[in-house]
Amino acid sequence: MSWNEQEYENYLKKINKAPQGVALIKQPKYHNKKVKVDGFLFDSQFEADYYSELKIQLRAGVIRGFCRQAHFILTAGGNGLKPMEYVADFVVWGLDGTTEIVDTKGYKTDLYIAKKKVFKEKYPKLEIKEVSA
C-alpha cells in the first residue's frame, strides 16, 4: 500500500502530528472560535456579540460605561508562586452607580468554578453575572 503526499498529510493531522516544517493549529478545547472585533480578540463569537451589545447600550445611554478583561487578584502569591487572578470578560457600570462583573460562558470549567468561589470570599460585595449562549 502506498500513500500520496496528501493522504500522508491527512494521516498526520488525524494523529495530531505535523509534517516536518509545518505547525498544526490545535482546535480549541471547547470548540469556540476566536473572533476579532474593533481590533480586540475575543475567545468566542458569543463574547464578541456581547461586547457589540454593550457598545450599543453605551451609545444609547443605557449604561454609564464598561471595560473588558478586568483583572482581579485572588491570592497574592509569593515564595516562587504566581498570584492567582480571575479575569472577568466585562465590568459594566450602570447609570444608577451599580457595578456588574459579567462572564460570558459556554462551559464552566473546574478552574472557573474554583476561582469563582475564591472571588466570592475575597470580594463579598461583588457578584459575577454569568451570561450563557
N, C-alpha and C. Protein backbone atom coordinates (compact mmCIF):
# COMPACT_ATOMS: atom_id res chain seq x y z
N MET A 1 0.85 -1.17 0.00
CA MET A 1 0.00 0.00 0.00
C MET A 1 0.89 1.24 0.00
N SER A 2 0.57 2.22 -0.81
CA SER A 2 1.34 3.46 -0.81
C SER A 2 0.38 4.64 -0.72
N TRP A 3 0.86 5.70 -0.07
CA TRP A 3 0.09 6.92 0.07
C TRP A 3 0.70 8.00 -0.77
N ASN A 4 -0.15 8.87 -1.28
CA ASN A 4 0.38 10.07 -1.91
C ASN A 4 0.62 11.10 -0.82
N GLU A 5 1.19 12.23 -1.18
CA GLU A 5 1.55 13.26 -0.19
C GLU A 5 0.34 13.75 0.60
N GLN A 6 -0.79 13.98 -0.08
CA GLN A 6 -2.00 14.48 0.58
C GLN A 6 -2.54 13.46 1.58
N GLU A 7 -2.55 12.19 1.21
CA GLU A 7 -3.04 11.14 2.12
C GLU A 7 -2.16 11.06 3.37
N TYR A 8 -0.85 11.20 3.18
CA TYR A 8 0.07 11.17 4.32
C TYR A 8 -0.16 12.36 5.24
N GLU A 9 -0.34 13.56 4.67
CA GLU A 9 -0.62 14.75 5.48
C GLU A 9 -1.93 14.59 6.25
N ASN A 10 -2.95 14.03 5.59
CA ASN A 10 -4.22 13.79 6.28
C ASN A 10 -4.06 12.83 7.44
N TYR A 11 -3.25 11.79 7.23
CA TYR A 11 -2.98 10.83 8.30
C TYR A 11 -2.28 11.52 9.47
N LEU A 12 -1.28 12.33 9.19
CA LEU A 12 -0.56 13.03 10.26
C LEU A 12 -1.48 13.96 11.03
N LYS A 13 -2.37 14.65 10.33
CA LYS A 13 -3.33 15.53 11.01
C LYS A 13 -4.26 14.71 11.90
N LYS A 14 -4.66 13.56 11.42
CA LYS A 14 -5.57 12.70 12.18
C LYS A 14 -4.94 12.24 13.49
N ILE A 15 -3.67 11.96 13.48
CA ILE A 15 -2.99 11.51 14.70
C ILE A 15 -2.33 12.67 15.44
N ASN A 16 -2.64 13.90 14.99
CA ASN A 16 -2.17 15.14 15.62
C ASN A 16 -0.64 15.29 15.56
N LYS A 17 -0.06 14.93 14.44
CA LYS A 17 1.37 15.13 14.18
C LYS A 17 1.50 15.99 12.94
N ALA A 18 2.40 16.92 12.98
CA ALA A 18 2.59 17.81 11.83
C ALA A 18 3.71 17.29 10.94
N PRO A 19 3.56 17.43 9.62
CA PRO A 19 4.69 17.13 8.74
C PRO A 19 5.86 18.04 9.08
N GLN A 20 7.07 17.64 8.77
CA GLN A 20 8.24 18.46 9.10
C GLN A 20 8.09 19.86 8.54
N GLY A 21 8.37 20.85 9.41
CA GLY A 21 8.32 22.24 8.99
C GLY A 21 6.93 22.86 9.01
N VAL A 22 5.91 22.08 9.42
CA VAL A 22 4.55 22.60 9.45
C VAL A 22 4.02 22.49 10.88
N ALA A 23 3.49 23.58 11.40
CA ALA A 23 2.91 23.56 12.74
C ALA A 23 1.41 23.32 12.64
N LEU A 24 0.90 22.41 13.47
CA LEU A 24 -0.54 22.16 13.49
C LEU A 24 -1.23 23.24 14.31
N ILE A 25 -2.40 23.63 13.88
CA ILE A 25 -3.24 24.55 14.64
C ILE A 25 -4.21 23.69 15.42
N LYS A 26 -4.08 23.72 16.74
CA LYS A 26 -4.95 22.90 17.57
C LYS A 26 -6.34 23.51 17.65
N GLN A 27 -7.33 22.65 17.63
CA GLN A 27 -8.70 23.10 17.82
C GLN A 27 -8.90 23.46 19.28
N PRO A 28 -9.65 24.53 19.56
CA PRO A 28 -9.91 24.89 20.95
C PRO A 28 -10.61 23.75 21.68
N LYS A 29 -10.30 23.61 22.95
CA LYS A 29 -10.81 22.51 23.76
C LYS A 29 -12.33 22.47 23.79
N TYR A 30 -12.97 23.66 23.86
CA TYR A 30 -14.42 23.71 23.98
C TYR A 30 -15.09 24.15 22.69
N HIS A 31 -14.39 23.99 21.56
CA HIS A 31 -14.90 24.24 20.21
C HIS A 31 -15.32 25.69 19.96
N ASN A 32 -14.80 26.62 20.75
CA ASN A 32 -15.07 28.03 20.49
C ASN A 32 -14.14 28.51 19.38
N LYS A 33 -14.57 29.57 18.70
CA LYS A 33 -13.74 30.15 17.65
C LYS A 33 -13.42 31.57 18.04
N LYS A 34 -12.14 31.91 18.03
CA LYS A 34 -11.71 33.26 18.36
C LYS A 34 -12.21 34.21 17.28
N VAL A 35 -12.63 35.40 17.73
CA VAL A 35 -13.23 36.38 16.83
C VAL A 35 -12.59 37.73 17.12
N LYS A 36 -12.29 38.50 16.07
CA LYS A 36 -11.71 39.83 16.22
C LYS A 36 -12.76 40.88 15.88
N VAL A 37 -12.96 41.83 16.82
CA VAL A 37 -13.88 42.95 16.63
C VAL A 37 -13.19 44.20 17.15
N ASP A 38 -13.19 45.26 16.37
CA ASP A 38 -12.57 46.53 16.75
C ASP A 38 -11.11 46.36 17.18
N GLY A 39 -10.43 45.40 16.62
CA GLY A 39 -9.03 45.16 16.97
C GLY A 39 -8.83 44.33 18.22
N PHE A 40 -9.92 43.94 18.89
CA PHE A 40 -9.84 43.10 20.09
C PHE A 40 -10.11 41.65 19.70
N LEU A 41 -9.36 40.73 20.29
CA LEU A 41 -9.55 39.30 20.04
C LEU A 41 -10.38 38.73 21.17
N PHE A 42 -11.52 38.15 20.83
CA PHE A 42 -12.44 37.56 21.80
C PHE A 42 -12.34 36.04 21.73
N ASP A 43 -12.57 35.38 22.87
CA ASP A 43 -12.46 33.93 22.93
C ASP A 43 -13.60 33.22 22.20
N SER A 44 -14.71 33.91 21.96
CA SER A 44 -15.84 33.27 21.28
C SER A 44 -16.67 34.32 20.55
N GLN A 45 -17.49 33.84 19.64
CA GLN A 45 -18.42 34.72 18.92
C GLN A 45 -19.42 35.32 19.91
N PHE A 46 -19.83 34.52 20.89
CA PHE A 46 -20.79 34.99 21.89
C PHE A 46 -20.23 36.16 22.69
N GLU A 47 -18.96 36.07 23.09
CA GLU A 47 -18.32 37.16 23.83
C GLU A 47 -18.22 38.41 22.95
N ALA A 48 -17.87 38.24 21.69
CA ALA A 48 -17.78 39.37 20.76
C ALA A 48 -19.15 40.02 20.56
N ASP A 49 -20.20 39.20 20.47
CA ASP A 49 -21.55 39.74 20.33
C ASP A 49 -21.96 40.52 21.57
N TYR A 50 -21.58 40.02 22.75
CA TYR A 50 -21.91 40.71 24.00
C TYR A 50 -21.21 42.08 24.04
N TYR A 51 -19.96 42.11 23.60
CA TYR A 51 -19.21 43.36 23.51
C TYR A 51 -19.93 44.35 22.60
N SER A 52 -20.38 43.87 21.44
CA SER A 52 -21.09 44.74 20.49
C SER A 52 -22.39 45.27 21.11
N GLU A 53 -23.08 44.43 21.87
CA GLU A 53 -24.31 44.86 22.54
C GLU A 53 -24.00 45.94 23.59
N LEU A 54 -22.91 45.77 24.33
CA LEU A 54 -22.52 46.78 25.32
C LEU A 54 -22.21 48.12 24.66
N LYS A 55 -21.57 48.08 23.49
CA LYS A 55 -21.28 49.32 22.76
C LYS A 55 -22.58 50.03 22.38
N ILE A 56 -23.58 49.27 21.95
CA ILE A 56 -24.87 49.85 21.59
C ILE A 56 -25.53 50.47 22.82
N GLN A 57 -25.50 49.74 23.95
CA GLN A 57 -26.09 50.25 25.19
C GLN A 57 -25.39 51.53 25.65
N LEU A 58 -24.09 51.59 25.48
CA LEU A 58 -23.33 52.79 25.86
C LEU A 58 -23.76 53.99 25.01
N ARG A 59 -23.83 53.79 23.70
CA ARG A 59 -24.25 54.87 22.80
C ARG A 59 -25.68 55.32 23.06
N ALA A 60 -26.53 54.37 23.47
CA ALA A 60 -27.93 54.69 23.72
C ALA A 60 -28.15 55.30 25.10
N GLY A 61 -27.09 55.33 25.91
CA GLY A 61 -27.22 55.91 27.25
C GLY A 61 -27.86 54.99 28.26
N VAL A 62 -27.87 53.70 27.99
CA VAL A 62 -28.47 52.72 28.90
C VAL A 62 -27.50 52.37 30.03
N ILE A 63 -26.19 52.41 29.74
CA ILE A 63 -25.16 52.17 30.75
C ILE A 63 -24.20 53.35 30.76
N ARG A 64 -23.47 53.48 31.87
CA ARG A 64 -22.52 54.59 32.00
C ARG A 64 -21.18 54.25 31.34
N GLY A 65 -20.81 52.98 31.34
CA GLY A 65 -19.56 52.57 30.74
C GLY A 65 -19.28 51.10 30.97
N PHE A 66 -18.20 50.61 30.35
CA PHE A 66 -17.79 49.23 30.55
C PHE A 66 -16.32 49.09 30.20
N CYS A 67 -15.72 48.04 30.70
CA CYS A 67 -14.36 47.68 30.28
C CYS A 67 -14.32 46.18 30.09
N ARG A 68 -13.32 45.74 29.37
CA ARG A 68 -13.19 44.30 29.12
C ARG A 68 -11.89 43.78 29.74
N GLN A 69 -11.87 42.49 30.03
CA GLN A 69 -10.70 41.81 30.55
C GLN A 69 -10.18 42.46 31.83
N ALA A 70 -11.06 42.67 32.79
CA ALA A 70 -10.67 43.24 34.08
C ALA A 70 -10.05 42.16 34.95
N HIS A 71 -8.90 42.48 35.55
CA HIS A 71 -8.15 41.52 36.38
C HIS A 71 -8.45 41.75 37.85
N PHE A 72 -8.76 40.66 38.55
CA PHE A 72 -8.99 40.69 40.00
C PHE A 72 -7.99 39.73 40.64
N ILE A 73 -7.17 40.23 41.56
CA ILE A 73 -6.19 39.39 42.26
C ILE A 73 -6.93 38.58 43.31
N LEU A 74 -6.76 37.25 43.28
CA LEU A 74 -7.43 36.37 44.24
C LEU A 74 -6.49 35.96 45.37
N THR A 75 -5.24 35.64 45.02
CA THR A 75 -4.23 35.33 46.04
C THR A 75 -2.96 36.07 45.67
N ALA A 76 -2.21 36.47 46.68
CA ALA A 76 -1.03 37.30 46.47
C ALA A 76 0.14 36.56 45.84
N GLY A 77 0.24 35.28 46.03
CA GLY A 77 1.40 34.56 45.54
C GLY A 77 2.56 34.72 46.51
N GLY A 78 3.77 34.57 46.05
CA GLY A 78 4.95 34.66 46.90
C GLY A 78 5.64 33.31 47.00
N ASN A 79 6.86 33.31 47.51
CA ASN A 79 7.66 32.08 47.62
C ASN A 79 7.73 31.33 46.29
N GLY A 80 7.92 32.06 45.23
CA GLY A 80 8.05 31.46 43.91
C GLY A 80 6.73 31.15 43.23
N LEU A 81 5.61 31.39 43.90
CA LEU A 81 4.31 31.13 43.30
C LEU A 81 3.75 32.41 42.69
N LYS A 82 3.14 32.27 41.53
CA LYS A 82 2.50 33.42 40.89
C LYS A 82 1.19 33.71 41.60
N PRO A 83 0.77 34.98 41.60
CA PRO A 83 -0.54 35.29 42.17
C PRO A 83 -1.64 34.65 41.32
N MET A 84 -2.72 34.24 41.98
CA MET A 84 -3.86 33.72 41.24
C MET A 84 -4.79 34.89 40.96
N GLU A 85 -5.28 34.98 39.72
CA GLU A 85 -6.19 36.05 39.39
C GLU A 85 -7.36 35.54 38.57
N TYR A 86 -8.44 36.27 38.66
CA TYR A 86 -9.62 35.99 37.86
C TYR A 86 -9.73 37.14 36.86
N VAL A 87 -9.93 36.81 35.60
CA VAL A 87 -10.08 37.82 34.56
C VAL A 87 -11.53 37.79 34.09
N ALA A 88 -12.26 38.85 34.41
CA ALA A 88 -13.67 38.96 34.00
C ALA A 88 -13.74 39.38 32.55
N ASP A 89 -14.72 38.87 31.84
CA ASP A 89 -14.90 39.27 30.45
C ASP A 89 -15.22 40.77 30.38
N PHE A 90 -16.13 41.22 31.26
CA PHE A 90 -16.54 42.62 31.25
C PHE A 90 -16.87 43.10 32.65
N VAL A 91 -16.66 44.39 32.88
CA VAL A 91 -17.19 45.09 34.04
C VAL A 91 -18.07 46.19 33.46
N VAL A 92 -19.33 46.24 33.92
CA VAL A 92 -20.30 47.19 33.38
C VAL A 92 -20.75 48.11 34.51
N TRP A 93 -20.71 49.43 34.25
CA TRP A 93 -21.16 50.42 35.23
C TRP A 93 -22.53 50.94 34.79
N GLY A 94 -23.51 50.77 35.69
CA GLY A 94 -24.87 51.22 35.41
C GLY A 94 -25.05 52.70 35.69
N LEU A 95 -26.12 53.25 35.17
CA LEU A 95 -26.42 54.66 35.39
C LEU A 95 -26.73 54.96 36.85
N ASP A 96 -27.18 53.93 37.58
CA ASP A 96 -27.53 54.09 38.99
C ASP A 96 -26.34 53.89 39.93
N GLY A 97 -25.14 53.79 39.37
CA GLY A 97 -23.94 53.63 40.18
C GLY A 97 -23.57 52.19 40.49
N THR A 98 -24.32 51.23 39.98
CA THR A 98 -24.02 49.82 40.22
C THR A 98 -22.87 49.36 39.34
N THR A 99 -22.20 48.31 39.81
CA THR A 99 -21.12 47.69 39.06
C THR A 99 -21.47 46.22 38.87
N GLU A 100 -21.34 45.75 37.64
CA GLU A 100 -21.69 44.37 37.33
C GLU A 100 -20.48 43.68 36.70
N ILE A 101 -20.08 42.56 37.28
CA ILE A 101 -19.00 41.74 36.72
C ILE A 101 -19.68 40.70 35.83
N VAL A 102 -19.32 40.66 34.55
CA VAL A 102 -20.00 39.78 33.60
C VAL A 102 -19.01 38.79 33.00
N ASP A 103 -19.41 37.54 33.00
CA ASP A 103 -18.61 36.49 32.37
C ASP A 103 -19.51 35.77 31.37
N THR A 104 -19.10 35.79 30.10
CA THR A 104 -19.86 35.06 29.07
C THR A 104 -19.38 33.63 29.09
N LYS A 105 -20.30 32.70 29.27
CA LYS A 105 -19.92 31.31 29.45
C LYS A 105 -20.64 30.41 28.46
N GLY A 106 -19.87 29.54 27.87
CA GLY A 106 -20.43 28.44 27.10
C GLY A 106 -20.30 27.17 27.91
N TYR A 107 -19.25 27.13 28.75
CA TYR A 107 -18.96 25.95 29.55
C TYR A 107 -18.23 26.40 30.81
N LYS A 108 -18.64 25.87 31.97
CA LYS A 108 -17.98 26.20 33.24
C LYS A 108 -16.92 25.16 33.54
N THR A 109 -15.66 25.56 33.48
CA THR A 109 -14.57 24.65 33.80
C THR A 109 -14.42 24.52 35.31
N ASP A 110 -13.74 23.48 35.73
CA ASP A 110 -13.47 23.29 37.16
C ASP A 110 -12.65 24.46 37.70
N LEU A 111 -11.70 24.95 36.90
CA LEU A 111 -10.87 26.08 37.32
C LEU A 111 -11.72 27.33 37.52
N TYR A 112 -12.65 27.58 36.60
CA TYR A 112 -13.54 28.73 36.74
C TYR A 112 -14.37 28.62 38.01
N ILE A 113 -14.92 27.46 38.27
CA ILE A 113 -15.76 27.25 39.46
C ILE A 113 -14.95 27.51 40.73
N ALA A 114 -13.71 27.01 40.76
CA ALA A 114 -12.85 27.23 41.93
C ALA A 114 -12.52 28.71 42.10
N LYS A 115 -12.18 29.38 41.00
CA LYS A 115 -11.84 30.81 41.08
C LYS A 115 -13.05 31.63 41.49
N LYS A 116 -14.23 31.23 41.05
CA LYS A 116 -15.44 31.96 41.42
C LYS A 116 -15.68 31.88 42.93
N LYS A 117 -15.40 30.73 43.52
CA LYS A 117 -15.55 30.58 44.98
C LYS A 117 -14.58 31.49 45.73
N VAL A 118 -13.33 31.52 45.28
CA VAL A 118 -12.33 32.38 45.91
C VAL A 118 -12.72 33.84 45.70
N PHE A 119 -13.22 34.19 44.52
CA PHE A 119 -13.65 35.55 44.22
C PHE A 119 -14.73 35.99 45.21
N LYS A 120 -15.72 35.11 45.47
CA LYS A 120 -16.81 35.45 46.39
C LYS A 120 -16.29 35.71 47.80
N GLU A 121 -15.28 34.94 48.20
CA GLU A 121 -14.69 35.14 49.54
C GLU A 121 -13.91 36.45 49.61
N LYS A 122 -13.15 36.73 48.57
CA LYS A 122 -12.28 37.92 48.57
C LYS A 122 -13.06 39.21 48.31
N TYR A 123 -14.07 39.14 47.46
CA TYR A 123 -14.86 40.32 47.09
C TYR A 123 -16.35 40.05 47.39
N PRO A 124 -16.73 40.01 48.66
CA PRO A 124 -18.11 39.63 49.00
C PRO A 124 -19.17 40.60 48.51
N LYS A 125 -18.81 41.83 48.23
CA LYS A 125 -19.80 42.82 47.76
C LYS A 125 -20.01 42.77 46.25
N LEU A 126 -19.16 42.02 45.56
CA LEU A 126 -19.29 41.90 44.10
C LEU A 126 -19.80 40.51 43.75
N GLU A 127 -20.57 40.44 42.67
CA GLU A 127 -21.08 39.16 42.22
C GLU A 127 -20.82 39.01 40.72
N ILE A 128 -20.48 37.80 40.34
CA ILE A 128 -20.23 37.53 38.91
C ILE A 128 -21.56 37.14 38.27
N LYS A 129 -21.92 37.87 37.24
CA LYS A 129 -23.12 37.55 36.46
C LYS A 129 -22.66 36.69 35.29
N GLU A 130 -23.17 35.48 35.21
CA GLU A 130 -22.82 34.58 34.12
C GLU A 130 -23.89 34.68 33.04
N VAL A 131 -23.45 34.96 31.83
CA VAL A 131 -24.35 35.07 30.69
C VAL A 131 -24.02 33.90 29.76
N SER A 132 -25.02 33.07 29.48
CA SER A 132 -24.79 31.87 28.66
C SER A 132 -25.32 32.08 27.25
N ALA A 133 -24.68 31.40 26.34
CA ALA A 133 -25.09 31.47 24.93
C ALA A 133 -26.41 30.77 24.72
